[in-house]
């Protein structure tokens, strides 16, 4: 077989996720950097909320890329490998919490990465994005 079917995250879904993530960040009082990527790690949407740390946009991107790459939360990478993977990928892989894969009907279609809060805050905002589109 030379061709396979694939599913992709639409811009409509990315915008819906972005809106839900912003609402959650406002609710908890923590401005965030939000990055949504497709399954290959290409950025579909990103936003740095007023008051979010500008360098957190880099960590949010790495969290999203990591979750898309491994199909799992970014913080499942064992601590012993975190520094090596970060160095080997020039910072594109991280073990920081706040990156979640976007899985729809059992298919990995992308990931969301959040940065600027605590790991718990980042995860809560990411989960709000997933919940907005009914992703696993």
C-alpha atoms as a PDB file:
ATOM      1  CA  UNK A   1       0.000   0.000   0.000  1.00  0.00           C
ATOM      2  CA  UNK A   2       1.408   3.380  -1.028  1.00  0.00           C
ATOM      3  CA  UNK A   3      -1.292   5.708   0.258  1.00  0.00           C
ATOM      4  CA  UNK A   4      -3.070   5.888   3.598  1.00  0.00           C
ATOM      5  CA  UNK A   5      -5.974   7.900   4.868  1.00  0.00           C
ATOM      6  CA  UNK A   6      -5.267  10.473   7.505  1.00  0.00           C
ATOM      7  CA  UNK A   7      -7.242  12.891   9.638  1.00  0.00           C
ATOM      8  CA  UNK A   8      -6.196  16.428  10.317  1.00  0.00           C
ATOM      9  CA  UNK A   9      -7.016  19.133  12.776  1.00  0.00           C
ATOM     10  CA  UNK A  10      -8.887  22.002  11.132  1.00  0.00           C
ATOM     11  CA  UNK A  11      -8.335  25.683  11.693  1.00  0.00           C
ATOM     12  CA  UNK A  12     -11.877  25.831  13.093  1.00  0.00           C
ATOM     13  CA  UNK A  13     -10.928  23.306  15.791  1.00  0.00           C
ATOM     14  CA  UNK A  14      -7.685  25.165  16.519  1.00  0.00           C
ATOM     15  CA  UNK A  15      -9.549  28.447  16.988  1.00  0.00           C
ATOM     16  CA  UNK A  16     -12.152  26.796  19.225  1.00  0.00           C
ATOM     17  CA  UNK A  17      -9.373  25.287  21.344  1.00  0.00           C
ATOM     18  CA  UNK A  18      -7.547  28.599  21.508  1.00  0.00           C
ATOM     19  CA  UNK A  19     -10.695  30.382  22.706  1.00  0.00           C
ATOM     20  CA  UNK A  20     -11.407  27.752  25.388  1.00  0.00           C
ATOM     21  CA  UNK A  21      -7.795  27.863  26.598  1.00  0.00           C
ATOM     22  CA  UNK A  22      -7.916  31.660  26.887  1.00  0.00           C
ATOM     23  CA  UNK A  23     -11.165  31.454  28.846  1.00  0.00           C
ATOM     24  CA  UNK A  24      -9.629  28.945  31.276  1.00  0.00           C
ATOM     25  CA  UNK A  25      -6.485  31.039  31.685  1.00  0.00           C
ATOM     26  CA  UNK A  26      -8.651  34.090  32.448  1.00  0.00           C
ATOM     27  CA  UNK A  27     -10.705  32.022  34.912  1.00  0.00           C
ATOM     28  CA  UNK A  28      -7.619  30.965  36.883  1.00  0.00           C
ATOM     29  CA  UNK A  29      -6.026  34.400  36.607  1.00  0.00           C
ATOM     30  CA  UNK A  30      -2.875  33.225  34.812  1.00  0.00           C
ATOM     31  CA  UNK A  31      -2.075  34.742  31.399  1.00  0.00           C
ATOM     32  CA  UNK A  32      -0.668  32.034  29.138  1.00  0.00           C
ATOM     33  CA  UNK A  33       1.129  31.348  25.906  1.00  0.00           C
ATOM     34  CA  UNK A  34      -0.927  28.872  23.888  1.00  0.00           C
ATOM     35  CA  UNK A  35       0.339  26.895  20.889  1.00  0.00           C
ATOM     36  CA  UNK A  36      -1.621  24.386  18.821  1.00  0.00           C
ATOM     37  CA  UNK A  37       0.202  22.204  16.293  1.00  0.00           C
ATOM     38  CA  UNK A  38      -0.889  19.574  13.804  1.00  0.00           C
ATOM     39  CA  UNK A  39       0.291  15.971  14.019  1.00  0.00           C
ATOM     40  CA  UNK A  40       3.567  16.854  12.306  1.00  0.00           C
ATOM     41  CA  UNK A  41       4.326  19.697  14.712  1.00  0.00           C
ATOM     42  CA  UNK A  42       3.446  22.577  12.377  1.00  0.00           C
ATOM     43  CA  UNK A  43       1.910  25.508  14.248  1.00  0.00           C
ATOM     44  CA  UNK A  44      -1.756  26.054  13.393  1.00  0.00           C
ATOM     45  CA  UNK A  45      -2.521  28.683  16.049  1.00  0.00           C
ATOM     46  CA  UNK A  46      -0.657  30.527  18.755  1.00  0.00           C
ATOM     47  CA  UNK A  47      -1.293  33.365  21.130  1.00  0.00           C
ATOM     48  CA  UNK A  48       0.599  35.122  23.869  1.00  0.00           C
ATOM     49  CA  UNK A  49      -1.971  36.582  26.223  1.00  0.00           C
ATOM     50  CA  UNK A  50      -1.371  40.018  27.709  1.00  0.00           C
ATOM     51  CA  UNK A  51       0.868  39.514  30.734  1.00  0.00           C
ATOM     52  CA  UNK A  52       2.232  36.105  29.684  1.00  0.00           C
ATOM     53  CA  UNK A  53       6.025  35.767  29.635  1.00  0.00           C
ATOM     54  CA  UNK A  54       7.345  36.107  26.094  1.00  0.00           C
ATOM     55  CA  UNK A  55       9.888  33.287  26.499  1.00  0.00           C
ATOM     56  CA  UNK A  56       7.050  30.977  27.492  1.00  0.00           C
ATOM     57  CA  UNK A  57       5.987  31.010  23.846  1.00  0.00           C
ATOM     58  CA  UNK A  58       9.120  28.938  23.153  1.00  0.00           C
ATOM     59  CA  UNK A  59       8.379  26.451  25.933  1.00  0.00           C
ATOM     60  CA  UNK A  60       4.697  26.202  24.911  1.00  0.00           C
ATOM     61  CA  UNK A  61       5.812  25.421  21.351  1.00  0.00           C
ATOM     62  CA  UNK A  62       8.256  22.765  22.583  1.00  0.00           C
ATOM     63  CA  UNK A  63       5.544  21.226  24.781  1.00  0.00           C
ATOM     64  CA  UNK A  64       3.141  21.032  21.821  1.00  0.00           C
ATOM     65  CA  UNK A  65       5.826  19.615  19.505  1.00  0.00           C
ATOM     66  CA  UNK A  66       6.798  17.035  22.114  1.00  0.00           C
ATOM     67  CA  UNK A  67       3.224  15.885  22.716  1.00  0.00           C
ATOM     68  CA  UNK A  68       2.590  15.640  18.959  1.00  0.00           C
ATOM     69  CA  UNK A  69       5.829  13.734  18.433  1.00  0.00           C
ATOM     70  CA  UNK A  70       5.294  11.135  21.145  1.00  0.00           C
ATOM     71  CA  UNK A  71       1.484  11.061  21.177  1.00  0.00           C
ATOM     72  CA  UNK A  72       1.494  11.538  24.944  1.00  0.00           C
ATOM     73  CA  UNK A  73       1.727  14.352  27.490  1.00  0.00           C
ATOM     74  CA  UNK A  74       5.046  16.167  27.386  1.00  0.00           C
ATOM     75  CA  UNK A  75       5.800  15.388  31.015  1.00  0.00           C
ATOM     76  CA  UNK A  76       5.894  11.595  30.534  1.00  0.00           C
ATOM     77  CA  UNK A  77       9.475  11.785  29.272  1.00  0.00           C
ATOM     78  CA  UNK A  78      11.710  10.350  32.007  1.00  0.00           C
ATOM     79  CA  UNK A  79      13.811  12.900  33.849  1.00  0.00           C
ATOM     80  CA  UNK A  80      17.015  11.019  33.006  1.00  0.00           C
ATOM     81  CA  UNK A  81      16.480  11.663  29.272  1.00  0.00           C
ATOM     82  CA  UNK A  82      15.050  15.186  29.368  1.00  0.00           C
ATOM     83  CA  UNK A  83      18.294  17.146  29.083  1.00  0.00           C
ATOM     84  CA  UNK A  84      19.685  14.847  26.369  1.00  0.00           C
ATOM     85  CA  UNK A  85      16.522  15.046  24.261  1.00  0.00           C
ATOM     86  CA  UNK A  86      16.356  18.819  24.633  1.00  0.00           C
ATOM     87  CA  UNK A  87      19.980  19.144  23.508  1.00  0.00           C
ATOM     88  CA  UNK A  88      19.626  16.659  20.650  1.00  0.00           C
ATOM     89  CA  UNK A  89      16.534  18.438  19.294  1.00  0.00           C
ATOM     90  CA  UNK A  90      17.757  21.993  19.888  1.00  0.00           C
ATOM     91  CA  UNK A  91      15.003  22.568  22.434  1.00  0.00           C
ATOM     92  CA  UNK A  92      12.132  21.133  20.405  1.00  0.00           C
ATOM     93  CA  UNK A  93      11.566  18.340  22.947  1.00  0.00           C
ATOM     94  CA  UNK A  94      10.884  19.038  26.595  1.00  0.00           C
ATOM     95  CA  UNK A  95       9.679  17.136  29.611  1.00  0.00           C
ATOM     96  CA  UNK A  96       7.927  20.167  31.099  1.00  0.00           C
ATOM     97  CA  UNK A  97       4.249  19.694  31.899  1.00  0.00           C
ATOM     98  CA  UNK A  98       1.678  21.506  29.785  1.00  0.00           C
ATOM     99  CA  UNK A  99       1.799  19.699  26.437  1.00  0.00           C
ATOM    100  CA  UNK A 100      -1.084  17.353  25.604  1.00  0.00           C
ATOM    101  CA  UNK A 101      -1.732  15.329  22.450  1.00  0.00           C
ATOM    102  CA  UNK A 102      -4.979  15.932  20.579  1.00  0.00           C
ATOM    103  CA  UNK A 103      -6.502  12.527  19.948  1.00  0.00           C
ATOM    104  CA  UNK A 104      -9.841  12.291  18.150  1.00  0.00           C
ATOM    105  CA  UNK A 105     -11.524   8.929  17.572  1.00  0.00           C
ATOM    106  CA  UNK A 106      -8.243   7.207  18.378  1.00  0.00           C
ATOM    107  CA  UNK A 107      -6.248   9.279  15.870  1.00  0.00           C
ATOM    108  CA  UNK A 108      -3.450  11.673  16.823  1.00  0.00           C
ATOM    109  CA  UNK A 109      -4.266  14.923  15.006  1.00  0.00           C
ATOM    110  CA  UNK A 110      -2.044  17.380  16.837  1.00  0.00           C
ATOM    111  CA  UNK A 111      -1.143  18.765  20.240  1.00  0.00           C
ATOM    112  CA  UNK A 112      -1.580  21.784  22.456  1.00  0.00           C
ATOM    113  CA  UNK A 113       1.172  23.367  24.509  1.00  0.00           C
ATOM    114  CA  UNK A 114       0.714  25.908  27.272  1.00  0.00           C
ATOM    115  CA  UNK A 115       3.350  27.947  29.079  1.00  0.00           C
ATOM    116  CA  UNK A 116       3.672  30.774  31.589  1.00  0.00           C
ATOM    117  CA  UNK A 117       2.011  29.253  34.648  1.00  0.00           C
ATOM    118  CA  UNK A 118       2.777  26.410  36.992  1.00  0.00           C
ATOM    119  CA  UNK A 119       2.724  22.890  35.493  1.00  0.00           C
ATOM    120  CA  UNK A 120      -0.722  22.352  37.050  1.00  0.00           C
ATOM    121  CA  UNK A 121      -2.064  25.601  35.578  1.00  0.00           C
ATOM    122  CA  UNK A 122      -0.558  24.827  32.174  1.00  0.00           C
ATOM    123  CA  UNK A 123      -2.128  21.357  32.153  1.00  0.00           C
ATOM    124  CA  UNK A 124      -5.539  22.700  33.189  1.00  0.00           C
ATOM    125  CA  UNK A 125      -5.517  25.259  30.381  1.00  0.00           C
ATOM    126  CA  UNK A 126      -4.401  22.617  27.870  1.00  0.00           C
ATOM    127  CA  UNK A 127      -7.175  20.285  29.018  1.00  0.00           C
ATOM    128  CA  UNK A 128      -9.743  23.049  28.538  1.00  0.00           C
ATOM    129  CA  UNK A 129      -8.584  23.290  24.926  1.00  0.00           C
ATOM    130  CA  UNK A 130      -9.012  19.553  24.423  1.00  0.00           C
ATOM    131  CA  UNK A 131     -12.432  19.575  26.081  1.00  0.00           C
ATOM    132  CA  UNK A 132     -13.634  22.279  23.684  1.00  0.00           C
ATOM    133  CA  UNK A 133     -13.492  19.858  20.760  1.00  0.00           C
ATOM    134  CA  UNK A 134     -14.232  16.637  22.605  1.00  0.00           C
ATOM    135  CA  UNK A 135     -10.699  15.293  22.173  1.00  0.00           C
ATOM    136  CA  UNK A 136      -9.320  12.519  24.389  1.00  0.00           C
END
